[in-house]
Protein backbone atom coordinates (compact mmCIF):
# COMPACT_ATOMS: atom_id res chain seq x y z
CA MET A 1 109.17 97.14 100.55
CA GLN A 2 112.27 95.22 101.53
CA HIS A 3 115.60 96.14 99.95
CA CYS A 4 115.51 94.88 96.35
CA PRO A 5 117.55 95.40 93.20
CA SER A 6 116.59 98.57 91.32
CA ILE A 7 115.71 96.49 88.24
CA LEU A 8 114.09 93.05 88.20
CA TYR A 9 113.73 90.94 85.08
CA LYS A 10 111.04 88.75 83.55
CA TYR A 11 111.85 86.15 80.87
CA LYS A 12 109.03 85.67 78.38
CA PRO A 13 108.29 83.59 75.27
CA LEU A 14 106.89 85.53 72.33
CA ASN A 15 103.20 85.09 73.08
CA ASP A 16 100.20 87.37 73.46
CA PHE A 17 101.07 88.27 77.06
CA THR A 18 104.52 89.43 75.95
CA TYR A 19 103.17 91.61 73.16
CA ARG A 20 100.64 93.13 75.57
CA ILE A 21 103.50 94.23 77.85
CA LEU A 22 105.27 95.98 74.98
CA ARG A 23 102.19 97.41 73.24
CA GLU A 24 99.73 98.02 76.07
CA TYR A 25 102.04 97.99 79.15
CA GLU A 26 99.86 95.26 80.67
CA LEU A 27 101.29 92.61 83.00
CA TYR A 28 99.53 89.35 83.85
CA LEU A 29 99.70 87.71 87.30
CA PRO A 30 99.26 83.93 86.99
CA SER A 31 97.79 81.68 89.66
CA ILE A 32 99.95 78.94 91.21
CA SER A 33 98.63 76.20 88.90
CA GLN A 34 100.17 78.09 85.97
CA LEU A 35 103.65 77.93 87.52
CA ASN A 36 106.04 75.02 86.94
CA ASP A 37 106.78 73.95 90.53
CA PRO A 38 104.29 71.33 91.84
CA PHE A 39 105.12 72.35 95.42
CA GLU A 40 103.60 75.83 94.86
CA GLY A 41 100.97 76.25 97.55
CA ALA A 42 101.13 72.54 98.37
CA ILE A 43 103.98 72.26 100.86
CA PRO A 44 102.96 69.62 103.45
CA PHE A 45 102.28 70.99 106.93
CA VAL A 46 105.23 70.08 109.13
CA TYR A 47 104.75 71.61 112.56
CA ASP A 48 107.56 72.70 114.85
CA GLN A 49 107.84 69.86 117.38
CA ALA A 50 108.61 72.29 120.22
CA GLU A 51 105.14 73.82 119.80
CA LEU A 52 103.17 70.57 119.95
CA THR A 53 101.92 71.13 123.49
CA PRO A 54 98.36 70.16 124.53
CA GLU A 55 97.50 73.86 124.94
CA ASN A 56 98.72 74.80 121.44
CA ILE A 57 96.99 71.82 119.83
CA PHE A 58 93.75 72.78 121.59
CA LEU A 59 94.07 76.42 120.45
CA LYS A 60 94.76 75.33 116.87
CA LEU A 61 91.71 73.05 116.81
CA TYR A 62 89.65 75.80 118.42
CA SER A 63 90.59 78.40 115.75
CA MET A 64 89.94 75.88 112.96
CA SER A 65 86.54 74.98 114.40
CA LYS A 66 85.55 78.64 114.77
CA LYS A 67 86.38 79.18 111.11
CA GLU A 68 84.58 76.05 109.91
CA HIS A 69 81.49 76.50 112.13
CA PRO A 70 80.91 80.24 112.70
CA ASP A 71 77.29 79.59 113.71
CA TRP A 72 78.20 77.36 116.68
CA ASP A 73 78.21 78.71 120.21
CA ASP A 74 81.28 78.36 122.44
CA SER A 75 80.07 75.30 124.34
CA LYS A 76 79.42 73.36 121.15
CA ILE A 77 82.83 74.32 119.76
CA HIS A 78 84.56 73.23 122.99
CA GLU A 79 82.80 69.87 122.86
CA HIS A 80 83.77 69.42 119.21
CA VAL A 81 87.41 70.42 119.87
CA PHE A 82 87.66 68.01 122.80
CA ASN A 83 86.44 65.11 120.62
CA GLU A 84 88.77 66.08 117.76
CA TYR A 85 91.68 66.30 120.21
CA LYS A 86 90.99 62.78 121.53
CA ARG A 87 90.84 61.42 117.97
CA GLY A 88 94.15 63.08 117.06
CA THR A 89 92.46 64.74 114.09
CA LEU A 90 95.15 67.40 113.64
CA PHE A 91 97.74 64.74 112.74
CA ASP A 92 95.50 62.33 110.86
CA ASP A 93 96.83 61.66 107.34
CA LYS A 94 93.44 62.23 105.72
CA HIS A 95 92.94 65.49 107.61
CA LEU A 96 96.40 66.73 106.61
CA GLU A 97 95.80 65.76 102.98
CA ASN A 98 92.46 67.58 102.91
CA ASN A 99 93.95 70.60 104.64
CA ILE A 100 96.77 70.84 102.10
CA LYS A 101 94.29 70.51 99.20
CA ASN A 102 91.92 73.10 100.64
CA THR A 103 94.77 75.52 101.28
CA ARG A 104 96.12 75.07 97.75
CA ASP A 105 92.63 75.59 96.31
CA ASP A 106 92.28 78.82 98.33
CA ILE A 107 95.64 80.08 97.09
CA GLU A 108 94.82 79.10 93.50
CA ARG A 109 91.57 81.09 93.64
CA ASN A 110 92.96 84.16 95.34
CA PHE A 111 96.70 84.78 94.94
CA GLY A 112 98.39 86.17 91.86
CA VAL A 113 102.13 85.45 91.70
CA LEU A 114 104.59 87.42 89.57
CA SER A 115 107.99 85.71 89.32
CA LEU A 116 111.02 87.89 88.58
CA THR A 117 114.79 87.56 88.75
CA THR A 118 117.86 89.71 89.36
CA GLN A 119 119.66 88.14 86.40
CA LYS A 120 119.31 89.15 82.76
CA ASN A 121 121.88 86.82 81.17
CA ASN A 122 121.32 83.54 82.99
CA PHE A 123 121.73 80.71 80.47
CA LEU A 124 119.24 78.37 82.18
CA MET A 125 116.63 81.07 82.57
CA TRP A 126 116.82 81.82 78.85
CA SER A 127 116.46 78.11 78.11
CA HIS A 128 113.58 77.40 80.51
CA TYR A 129 111.46 80.54 80.36
CA ALA A 130 112.20 82.31 77.07
CA GLU A 131 111.40 79.53 74.61
CA SER A 132 115.00 78.26 74.40
CA HIS A 133 116.49 81.71 73.68
CA LYS A 134 113.79 82.60 71.11
CA GLY A 135 111.95 84.92 73.51
CA ILE A 136 112.87 88.07 75.39
CA CYS A 137 113.84 89.32 78.84
CA ILE A 138 112.17 92.49 80.11
CA GLY A 139 113.66 94.67 82.83
CA PHE A 140 111.28 96.54 85.17
CA ASP A 141 111.84 99.40 87.56
CA THR A 142 111.31 97.54 90.83
CA GLU A 143 109.87 100.43 92.81
CA ILE A 144 107.40 101.52 90.14
CA LEU A 145 106.34 97.92 89.49
CA SER A 146 105.80 97.18 93.18
CA ASN A 147 103.92 100.43 93.83
CA THR A 148 101.66 99.86 90.81
CA ILE A 149 100.72 96.25 91.52
CA GLY A 150 100.84 96.36 95.32
CA GLY A 151 100.87 93.09 97.25
CA VAL A 152 104.03 91.71 98.84
CA LEU A 153 107.45 91.84 97.16
CA GLY A 154 110.15 89.55 98.52
CA ALA A 155 113.00 87.19 97.73
CA ALA A 156 112.40 83.46 97.44
CA ILE A 157 113.79 81.40 100.31
CA TYR A 158 115.66 78.34 99.04
CA GLN A 159 116.21 75.28 101.24
CA ARG A 160 116.56 71.51 101.04
CA GLU A 161 114.17 70.61 103.87
CA LEU A 162 110.47 71.38 104.01
CA PRO A 163 109.75 74.47 106.13
CA LYS A 164 108.40 74.09 109.66
CA PHE A 165 105.09 75.83 110.30
CA SER A 166 104.10 77.39 113.59
CA MET A 167 100.78 76.28 115.06
CA ILE A 168 100.22 79.79 116.35
CA GLN A 169 101.36 81.64 113.24
CA GLU A 170 99.34 84.55 111.92
CA THR A 171 97.61 83.87 108.60
CA MET A 172 99.76 86.30 106.58
CA GLU A 173 103.00 84.90 108.05
CA PHE A 174 101.80 81.40 107.18
CA MET A 175 100.95 82.42 103.61
CA ALA A 176 104.29 84.19 103.17
CA LYS A 177 106.19 81.05 104.19
CA LEU A 178 104.00 78.92 101.91
CA LEU A 179 104.40 81.21 98.88
CA PHE A 180 108.06 82.21 99.20
CA THR A 181 109.77 78.96 100.29
CA LYS A 182 111.15 76.87 97.42
CA SER A 183 113.40 73.86 96.96
CA ASP A 184 117.08 74.72 96.53
CA VAL A 185 117.00 73.06 93.10
CA TRP A 186 115.57 76.40 91.92
CA ILE A 187 118.34 78.53 93.44
CA TYR A 188 119.78 79.36 90.01
CA GLU A 189 116.68 81.50 89.38
CA ASP A 190 117.55 84.02 92.13
CA GLU A 191 113.84 84.76 92.23
CA TYR A 192 111.98 87.70 93.63
CA ARG A 193 108.22 87.53 93.50
CA ILE A 194 105.21 89.71 94.01
CA THR A 195 102.25 87.93 95.58
CA LYS A 196 98.90 89.63 95.85
CA PHE A 197 95.57 88.55 97.32
CA ASN A 198 92.53 88.73 95.04
CA ALA A 199 94.82 89.01 91.99
CA ALA A 200 94.96 85.49 90.52
CA ARG A 201 94.97 85.64 86.70
CA LYS A 202 94.45 89.39 86.68
CA THR A 203 96.12 91.92 84.41
CA TYR A 204 97.62 95.20 85.64
CA LYS A 205 98.21 98.33 83.59
CA LEU A 206 101.71 99.71 84.15
CA PRO A 207 102.96 103.24 83.65
CA LYS A 208 105.22 103.33 80.61
CA ASN A 209 108.29 104.22 82.71
CA ALA A 210 107.97 100.92 84.65
CA ILE A 211 109.66 99.20 81.69
CA LYS A 212 113.40 99.95 81.56
CA GLU A 213 114.95 97.61 79.00
CA VAL A 214 114.35 94.68 76.66
CA ILE A 215 116.86 91.94 75.80
CA LEU A 216 116.34 89.84 72.66
CA GLY A 217 117.07 86.11 72.64
CA MET A 218 119.94 84.97 70.42
CA SER A 219 117.81 82.32 68.66
CA MET A 220 115.00 84.70 67.76
CA PRO A 221 114.50 84.93 63.97
CA HIS A 222 115.74 88.24 62.52
CA THR A 223 112.30 89.08 61.16
CA LEU A 224 110.87 88.89 64.69
CA LYS A 225 113.75 90.92 66.10
CA ASN A 226 113.08 93.65 63.57
CA GLU A 227 109.35 93.54 64.35
CA LEU A 228 109.99 93.87 68.09
CA ILE A 229 112.46 96.70 67.61
CA SER A 230 109.82 98.55 65.57
CA ILE A 231 107.20 98.02 68.31
CA ILE A 232 109.61 99.16 71.03
CA THR A 233 110.69 102.21 69.01
CA GLU A 234 107.05 103.25 68.68
CA LYS A 235 105.72 102.30 72.11
CA LEU A 236 108.79 102.56 74.38
CA PRO A 237 111.19 104.97 72.68
CA ASP A 238 113.18 105.75 75.84
CA ILE A 239 114.18 102.24 76.91
CA SER A 240 117.40 100.34 76.15
CA VAL A 241 117.41 97.33 73.82
CA PHE A 242 120.07 94.60 73.86
CA ASP A 243 120.85 91.67 71.61
CA THR A 244 122.53 88.49 72.91
CA SER A 245 125.25 86.19 71.64
CA LEU A 246 127.48 83.38 72.90
CA ASN A 247 130.70 84.37 74.60
CA LYS A 248 133.76 83.17 72.68
CA SER A 249 135.83 82.00 75.66
CA THR A 250 133.41 80.99 78.44
CA PHE A 251 129.94 79.40 78.72
CA ASP A 252 128.30 82.79 79.12
CA ILE A 253 125.92 85.06 77.25
CA ASP A 254 127.12 88.46 76.03
CA LEU A 255 124.83 91.49 75.80
CA LEU A 256 125.24 94.09 73.06
CA GLN A 257 123.23 97.31 73.29
CA ILE A 258 121.63 98.01 69.92
CA ARG A 259 119.47 100.95 70.94
């Protein structure tokens, strides 16, 4: 695991998934179609121009053909690759569009993605992901969470330009770049994410000590706050609970520990 903050946070609206975390210690990993960035898993393939040599193009077509036609012998694959090379298939718009769609479909079927943040009092995060301050923010022990779920934990890479892909990149390196690179419009999220193969839309049971603290949104009705405090007192008696309010001199959110 790369160096990460000791606690990472998840903003949640008050829905069934949230209650399952607090009552059953269960955490859901959505697939990419359930996330709010349309570029998830669908970044267009922009190859590094320095790598576009005839040899690399041939090797790329060869590996693609081997995957698509595992029953073909080597001579048939070579003939097919030669014809595809002459047609310029690798850079054909329709081919690229199909390749992007197929890749996104593969990721949608297979990869679970858990989005987390280092920040527990980010105004925009409360607005966008916690039902306009009516939800909660849950802090997790990063090491316990990562060890329980497995997969790959890493920081999002924010940039303005689309990433360049290597034609000779290993599959896992390619997937990591595809799943961790985001537009810099999202930089305010300071996101860390866990991605795991064969985990799309699956639920993981956490040890109780994976949950470290809960922060209540300032716009949550008092009846709900009292209900949640009762649940936490029963199910998670050792964790810290905070309430939130508006700062009186700056555009910030203040945290007040109430338990």
